[in-house]
């Protein structure tokens, strides 16, 4: 049976982060059970952080679109 189509499809983006930031984040996301960072853990973290940021920013500015 095929997978259902995602309504909100992902888009690939490329980020450049300092090595120290990546190492610290991966240490926090590391799963001793799996022996690695679980697949999708970084994506989930970044998505949650961006959604929180959008909610706070749009609430503070009273708008739906925010420029950086």
C-alpha atoms as a PDB file:
ATOM      1  CA  UNK A   1       0.000   0.000   0.000  1.00  0.00           C
ATOM      2  CA  UNK A   2       1.517   3.385  -0.996  1.00  0.00           C
ATOM      3  CA  UNK A   3       2.179   6.152   1.484  1.00  0.00           C
ATOM      4  CA  UNK A   4      -0.460   8.875   1.742  1.00  0.00           C
ATOM      5  CA  UNK A   5       0.502  12.217   0.203  1.00  0.00           C
ATOM      6  CA  UNK A   6       1.644  14.839   2.718  1.00  0.00           C
ATOM      7  CA  UNK A   7      -0.539  17.929   2.794  1.00  0.00           C
ATOM      8  CA  UNK A   8       2.328  20.134   4.022  1.00  0.00           C
ATOM      9  CA  UNK A   9       5.223  18.786   1.984  1.00  0.00           C
ATOM     10  CA  UNK A  10       8.792  19.372   3.200  1.00  0.00           C
ATOM     11  CA  UNK A  11      11.230  21.623   1.370  1.00  0.00           C
ATOM     12  CA  UNK A  12      14.964  21.018   1.615  1.00  0.00           C
ATOM     13  CA  UNK A  13      17.034  23.948   2.945  1.00  0.00           C
ATOM     14  CA  UNK A  14      20.752  24.173   3.641  1.00  0.00           C
ATOM     15  CA  UNK A  15      22.098  25.746   6.854  1.00  0.00           C
ATOM     16  CA  UNK A  16      25.637  26.564   7.840  1.00  0.00           C
ATOM     17  CA  UNK A  17      26.157  26.410  11.584  1.00  0.00           C
ATOM     18  CA  UNK A  18      29.294  26.643  13.709  1.00  0.00           C
ATOM     19  CA  UNK A  19      30.810  23.238  14.482  1.00  0.00           C
ATOM     20  CA  UNK A  20      30.502  23.828  18.230  1.00  0.00           C
ATOM     21  CA  UNK A  21      26.754  24.444  17.875  1.00  0.00           C
ATOM     22  CA  UNK A  22      26.246  21.284  15.835  1.00  0.00           C
ATOM     23  CA  UNK A  23      28.282  19.175  18.267  1.00  0.00           C
ATOM     24  CA  UNK A  24      26.343  20.453  21.289  1.00  0.00           C
ATOM     25  CA  UNK A  25      22.972  19.927  19.591  1.00  0.00           C
ATOM     26  CA  UNK A  26      23.918  16.412  18.483  1.00  0.00           C
ATOM     27  CA  UNK A  27      25.052  15.575  22.017  1.00  0.00           C
ATOM     28  CA  UNK A  28      21.617  16.608  23.276  1.00  0.00           C
ATOM     29  CA  UNK A  29      19.785  14.649  20.578  1.00  0.00           C
ATOM     30  CA  UNK A  30      21.984  11.534  20.835  1.00  0.00           C
ATOM     31  CA  UNK A  31      20.133   8.325  21.718  1.00  0.00           C
ATOM     32  CA  UNK A  32      22.182   5.762  23.662  1.00  0.00           C
ATOM     33  CA  UNK A  33      19.577   3.168  22.728  1.00  0.00           C
ATOM     34  CA  UNK A  34      20.204   3.708  18.995  1.00  0.00           C
ATOM     35  CA  UNK A  35      23.870   4.636  19.366  1.00  0.00           C
ATOM     36  CA  UNK A  36      23.324   7.722  17.189  1.00  0.00           C
ATOM     37  CA  UNK A  37      21.117  10.755  16.686  1.00  0.00           C
ATOM     38  CA  UNK A  38      17.716   9.386  15.632  1.00  0.00           C
ATOM     39  CA  UNK A  39      16.686  10.073  12.040  1.00  0.00           C
ATOM     40  CA  UNK A  40      14.591  13.239  11.832  1.00  0.00           C
ATOM     41  CA  UNK A  41      15.522  14.465  15.328  1.00  0.00           C
ATOM     42  CA  UNK A  42      17.305  17.574  14.057  1.00  0.00           C
ATOM     43  CA  UNK A  43      14.507  18.333  11.585  1.00  0.00           C
ATOM     44  CA  UNK A  44      11.913  18.020  14.352  1.00  0.00           C
ATOM     45  CA  UNK A  45      13.919  20.286  16.664  1.00  0.00           C
ATOM     46  CA  UNK A  46      14.427  22.996  14.047  1.00  0.00           C
ATOM     47  CA  UNK A  47      10.769  22.819  12.991  1.00  0.00           C
ATOM     48  CA  UNK A  48       9.556  23.200  16.613  1.00  0.00           C
ATOM     49  CA  UNK A  49      11.937  26.098  17.266  1.00  0.00           C
ATOM     50  CA  UNK A  50      10.889  27.900  14.076  1.00  0.00           C
ATOM     51  CA  UNK A  51       7.179  27.404  14.821  1.00  0.00           C
ATOM     52  CA  UNK A  52       7.673  28.770  18.356  1.00  0.00           C
ATOM     53  CA  UNK A  53       9.598  31.732  16.970  1.00  0.00           C
ATOM     54  CA  UNK A  54       6.892  32.436  14.368  1.00  0.00           C
ATOM     55  CA  UNK A  55       4.146  32.245  16.995  1.00  0.00           C
ATOM     56  CA  UNK A  56       5.962  34.676  19.303  1.00  0.00           C
ATOM     57  CA  UNK A  57       6.922  37.068  16.519  1.00  0.00           C
ATOM     58  CA  UNK A  58       3.530  37.213  14.832  1.00  0.00           C
ATOM     59  CA  UNK A  59       1.809  37.567  18.204  1.00  0.00           C
ATOM     60  CA  UNK A  60       4.097  40.477  19.172  1.00  0.00           C
ATOM     61  CA  UNK A  61       3.718  42.237  15.834  1.00  0.00           C
ATOM     62  CA  UNK A  62       0.112  41.288  15.202  1.00  0.00           C
ATOM     63  CA  UNK A  63       0.890  40.185  11.645  1.00  0.00           C
ATOM     64  CA  UNK A  64       0.949  36.918   9.760  1.00  0.00           C
ATOM     65  CA  UNK A  65       4.144  37.600   7.801  1.00  0.00           C
ATOM     66  CA  UNK A  66       7.457  38.482   9.370  1.00  0.00           C
ATOM     67  CA  UNK A  67      10.574  39.822   7.719  1.00  0.00           C
ATOM     68  CA  UNK A  68      13.995  39.266   9.174  1.00  0.00           C
END
